[in-house]
Amino acid sequence: ESKEYVVQDGDVIVFRHSG
């Protein structure tokens, strides 16, 4: 599982990728 951190409009969104 890897995590991708994306900053959008001042908010941190975490996308969790399984595999």
Protein backbone atom coordinates (compact mmCIF):
# COMPACT_ATOMS: atom_id res chain seq x y z
CA GLU A 1 0.00 0.00 0.00
CA SER A 2 1.39 3.37 -1.01
CA LYS A 3 0.11 6.81 -0.19
CA GLU A 4 0.02 9.81 -2.48
CA TYR A 5 -0.26 13.24 -0.94
CA VAL A 6 -1.78 15.99 -3.05
CA VAL A 7 -2.28 19.58 -1.93
CA GLN A 8 -5.42 21.08 -3.41
CA ASP A 9 -6.89 24.46 -2.44
CA GLY A 10 -4.85 24.46 0.75
CA ASP A 11 -6.16 21.06 1.79
CA VAL A 12 -4.09 17.89 1.90
CA ILE A 13 -5.78 14.98 0.19
CA VAL A 14 -4.42 11.48 0.73
CA PHE A 15 -4.92 8.88 -1.95
CA ARG A 16 -4.38 5.33 -0.72
CA HIS A 17 -3.30 2.87 -3.38
CA SER A 18 -3.51 -0.82 -2.60
CA GLY A 19 -1.26 -3.25 -4.39
